[in-house]
C-alpha atoms as a PDB file:
ATOM      1  CA  MET A   1       0.000   0.000   0.000  1.00  0.00           C
ATOM      2  CA  ASN A   2       1.836   3.051  -1.280  1.00  0.00           C
ATOM      3  CA  ALA A   3      -0.729   5.851  -1.293  1.00  0.00           C
ATOM      4  CA  SER A   4       1.773   8.669  -0.698  1.00  0.00           C
ATOM      5  CA  PRO A   5       1.738  11.469  -3.262  1.00  0.00           C
ATOM      6  CA  ILE A   6       5.454  12.080  -2.556  1.00  0.00           C
ATOM      7  CA  THR A   7       7.616  10.931  -5.433  1.00  0.00           C
ATOM      8  CA  SER A   8      10.929  12.524  -4.413  1.00  0.00           C
ATOM      9  CA  TRP A   9      12.621  13.510  -1.161  1.00  0.00           C
ATOM     10  CA  GLU A  10      14.576  16.412  -2.685  1.00  0.00           C
ATOM     11  CA  GLY A  11      13.843  19.744  -1.028  1.00  0.00           C
ATOM     12  CA  VAL A  12      12.292  18.175   2.071  1.00  0.00           C
ATOM     13  CA  SER A  13      12.841  20.468   5.068  1.00  0.00           C
ATOM     14  CA  ALA A  14      11.623  18.031   7.755  1.00  0.00           C
ATOM     15  CA  TYR A  15      11.674  14.255   7.761  1.00  0.00           C
ATOM     16  CA  PHE A  16       9.873  12.436  10.583  1.00  0.00           C
ATOM     17  CA  THR A  17      10.308   8.685  10.619  1.00  0.00           C
ATOM     18  CA  TYR A  18       7.955   8.246  13.583  1.00  0.00           C
ATOM     19  CA  ALA A  19       4.986  10.192  12.229  1.00  0.00           C
ATOM     20  CA  ASP A  20       2.832   7.072  12.079  1.00  0.00           C
ATOM     21  CA  ASN A  21       3.673   5.965  15.636  1.00  0.00           C
ATOM     22  CA  PRO A  22       1.242   7.462  18.184  1.00  0.00           C
ATOM     23  CA  PHE A  23       3.381   6.336  21.140  1.00  0.00           C
ATOM     24  CA  VAL A  24       6.415   8.361  20.035  1.00  0.00           C
ATOM     25  CA  ILE A  25       4.288  11.381  19.192  1.00  0.00           C
ATOM     26  CA  GLY A  26       2.663  11.158  22.638  1.00  0.00           C
ATOM     27  CA  LEU A  27       6.078  10.777  24.255  1.00  0.00           C
ATOM     28  CA  CYS A  28       7.335  13.910  22.473  1.00  0.00           C
ATOM     29  CA  PHE A  29       4.226  15.778  23.581  1.00  0.00           C
ATOM     30  CA  VAL A  30       4.663  14.715  27.205  1.00  0.00           C
ATOM     31  CA  ALA A  31       8.337  15.725  27.068  1.00  0.00           C
ATOM     32  CA  ALA A  32       7.431  19.149  25.654  1.00  0.00           C
ATOM     33  CA  VAL A  33       4.803  19.682  28.361  1.00  0.00           C
ATOM     34  CA  GLY A  34       7.341  18.619  31.001  1.00  0.00           C
ATOM     35  CA  VAL A  35       9.943  21.068  29.715  1.00  0.00           C
ATOM     36  CA  PHE A  36       7.362  23.854  29.653  1.00  0.00           C
ATOM     37  CA  ALA A  37       6.137  23.055  33.179  1.00  0.00           C
ATOM     38  CA  GLY A  38       9.729  22.938  34.431  1.00  0.00           C
ATOM     39  CA  LEU A  39      10.437  26.303  32.863  1.00  0.00           C
ATOM     40  CA  ILE A  40       7.354  27.877  34.426  1.00  0.00           C
ATOM     41  CA  GLY A  41       8.207  26.320  37.801  1.00  0.00           C
ATOM     42  CA  THR A  42      11.761  27.661  37.621  1.00  0.00           C
ATOM     43  CA  ILE A  43      10.517  31.137  36.728  1.00  0.00           C
ATOM     44  CA  ILE A  44       8.005  31.134  39.605  1.00  0.00           C
ATOM     45  CA  HIS A  45      10.682  29.974  42.059  1.00  0.00           C
ATOM     46  CA  HIS A  46      13.129  32.632  40.879  1.00  0.00           C
ATOM     47  CA  GLU A  47      10.587  35.439  41.055  1.00  0.00           C
ATOM     48  CA  ALA A  48       9.462  34.401  44.548  1.00  0.00           C
ATOM     49  CA  SER A  49      13.011  34.225  45.884  1.00  0.00           C
ATOM     50  CA  ALA A  50      14.223  37.374  44.144  1.00  0.00           C
ATOM     51  CA  PHE A  51      11.303  39.654  44.980  1.00  0.00           C
ATOM     52  CA  GLY A  52       9.924  38.006  48.145  1.00  0.00           C
ATOM     53  CA  PRO A  53      12.032  40.093  50.545  1.00  0.00           C
ATOM     54  CA  HIS A  54      10.846  43.310  48.881  1.00  0.00           C
ATOM     55  CA  ASN A  55       7.144  42.667  49.463  1.00  0.00           C
ATOM     56  CA  ASP A  56       5.507  44.427  52.404  1.00  0.00           C
END
């Protein structure tokens, strides 16, 4: 079953070999959410420790 309209790989800017694997896509999504949550947590911790003493 070769229903792909792609006949050549020349000029391809992105090539995902796992695009048909929902587990890997879900794993990448969970990793991205984890990185984002870690970033937000780090920012909140820094702001609280940097500006906490200055609050009345």
